[in-house]
Amino acid sequence: QVQVEESGGGLVQPGGSLRLSCAASGSIFSIIAMGWYRQAPGKQRELVSTITNGGSTNYADSVKGRFTISRDNAKKMVYLQMNNLKPEDTAVYYCKIIRPSRIDWGQGTQVTVSS
């Protein structure tokens, strides 16, 4: 019923920037919050940032000050501006849509930070 699609990942050098986008479509009537998670090989999936439909944000300590989450409620989209990227940011980034009835995930987009 619901499709969640991330885009904007890629290869970037340390110190560079990327902007991730996530679009939700389908029979979505309300969204409580949206967010970004990431998972590196051999590691658990971890929270990167979340934002409520009212605009309240939360960031992992490792990205605070470097990443900025934003959303467009009307378009049902969420974005993640990533600045000053570090090699440890390398991971698959997943979009998370929190609805009253369920949680939906995207397939993920690869972010690789390397020289």
Protein backbone atom coordinates (compact mmCIF):
# COMPACT_ATOMS: atom_id res chain seq x y z
CA GLN A 1 0.00 0.00 0.00
CA VAL A 2 2.76 2.40 0.93
CA GLN A 3 5.97 2.98 -0.95
CA VAL A 4 8.99 4.60 0.63
CA GLU A 5 11.88 5.50 -1.64
CA GLU A 6 15.20 7.07 -0.75
CA SER A 7 17.53 8.83 -3.13
CA GLY A 8 20.62 11.00 -3.09
CA GLY A 9 23.22 8.58 -1.86
CA GLY A 10 26.56 8.12 -3.49
CA LEU A 11 30.30 8.38 -3.14
CA VAL A 12 31.77 11.48 -1.56
CA GLN A 13 35.16 12.47 -0.18
CA PRO A 14 35.66 13.18 3.51
CA GLY A 15 34.47 16.67 4.27
CA GLY A 16 31.99 16.61 1.43
CA SER A 17 28.23 16.88 1.50
CA LEU A 18 25.22 14.91 0.35
CA ARG A 19 21.51 15.51 0.55
CA LEU A 20 19.25 12.51 0.94
CA SER A 21 15.59 12.58 0.01
CA CYS A 22 12.78 10.25 0.93
CA ALA A 23 9.37 10.19 -0.68
CA ALA A 24 6.40 8.36 0.75
CA SER A 25 3.44 7.53 -1.44
CA GLY A 26 0.28 5.50 -1.28
CA SER A 27 -2.62 5.44 1.12
CA ILE A 28 -1.04 7.59 3.80
CA PHE A 29 -3.50 9.67 5.76
CA SER A 30 -1.29 10.86 8.56
CA ILE A 31 2.33 10.72 9.57
CA ILE A 32 3.46 11.07 13.15
CA ALA A 33 7.15 11.35 12.39
CA MET A 34 9.77 10.61 9.79
CA GLY A 35 13.38 9.74 10.21
CA TRP A 36 16.65 8.42 8.97
CA TYR A 37 18.52 5.37 10.19
CA ARG A 38 21.72 3.84 8.95
CA GLN A 39 23.43 0.50 9.03
CA ALA A 40 27.06 -0.21 8.34
CA PRO A 41 28.34 -3.72 7.58
CA GLY A 42 28.58 -5.77 10.74
CA LYS A 43 26.80 -3.17 12.83
CA GLN A 44 23.30 -2.67 14.13
CA ARG A 45 20.93 -0.28 12.46
CA GLU A 46 21.11 2.98 14.35
CA LEU A 47 19.11 6.14 14.53
CA VAL A 48 20.51 9.13 12.68
CA SER A 49 17.74 11.67 13.02
CA THR A 50 13.99 11.98 13.36
CA ILE A 51 11.50 14.77 12.87
CA THR A 52 7.86 14.97 13.89
CA ASN A 53 5.14 16.44 11.74
CA GLY A 54 5.30 19.43 14.04
CA GLY A 55 8.98 19.96 13.39
CA SER A 56 10.63 18.62 16.54
CA THR A 57 13.97 17.03 15.72
CA ASN A 58 16.31 14.52 17.26
CA TYR A 59 19.88 13.64 16.28
CA ALA A 60 22.39 11.01 17.14
CA ASP A 61 25.37 12.46 18.96
CA SER A 62 27.66 11.32 16.16
CA VAL A 63 25.94 13.51 13.57
CA LYS A 64 24.71 16.45 15.60
CA GLY A 65 26.06 19.67 14.20
CA ARG A 66 26.81 18.11 10.84
CA PHE A 67 23.47 16.72 9.66
CA THR A 68 20.16 18.50 9.35
CA ILE A 69 16.80 16.83 8.93
CA SER A 70 13.84 18.55 7.36
CA ARG A 71 10.48 17.60 5.98
CA ASP A 72 7.63 18.67 3.76
CA ASN A 73 4.43 17.36 5.29
CA ALA A 74 2.31 18.21 2.26
CA LYS A 75 4.63 16.33 -0.07
CA LYS A 76 5.19 13.55 2.48
CA MET A 77 8.92 13.89 2.09
CA VAL A 78 11.84 14.00 4.46
CA TYR A 79 15.37 15.15 3.75
CA LEU A 80 18.74 14.74 5.35
CA GLN A 81 21.42 17.29 4.60
CA MET A 82 24.77 15.76 5.47
CA ASN A 83 27.76 18.06 5.74
CA ASN A 84 31.37 17.45 6.70
CA LEU A 85 30.98 13.77 6.01
CA LYS A 86 33.37 11.35 7.64
CA PRO A 87 34.39 7.81 6.68
CA GLU A 88 32.47 6.51 9.68
CA ASP A 89 29.30 7.87 8.09
CA THR A 90 29.58 5.18 5.44
CA ALA A 91 26.43 3.07 5.63
CA VAL A 92 23.15 2.28 4.00
CA TYR A 93 20.72 4.99 5.00
CA TYR A 94 17.09 4.06 5.49
CA CYS A 95 14.04 6.25 5.57
CA LYS A 96 11.47 5.53 8.27
CA ILE A 97 7.85 6.63 8.19
CA ILE A 98 5.98 6.44 11.48
CA ARG A 99 2.22 6.29 11.13
CA PRO A 100 -0.44 5.70 13.77
CA SER A 101 -1.00 2.14 12.58
CA ARG A 102 2.42 1.02 11.40
CA ILE A 103 6.00 1.84 10.53
CA ASP A 104 7.26 1.76 6.96
CA TRP A 105 10.82 1.54 5.74
CA GLY A 106 12.50 2.29 2.46
CA GLN A 107 14.98 0.01 0.77
CA GLY A 108 17.88 2.25 1.65
CA THR A 109 20.45 4.28 -0.22
CA GLN A 110 24.19 3.73 0.00
CA VAL A 111 26.42 6.51 1.28
CA THR A 112 30.13 5.95 0.95
CA VAL A 113 32.64 8.44 2.31
CA SER A 114 36.12 7.69 1.07
CA SER A 115 39.15 9.23 -0.54
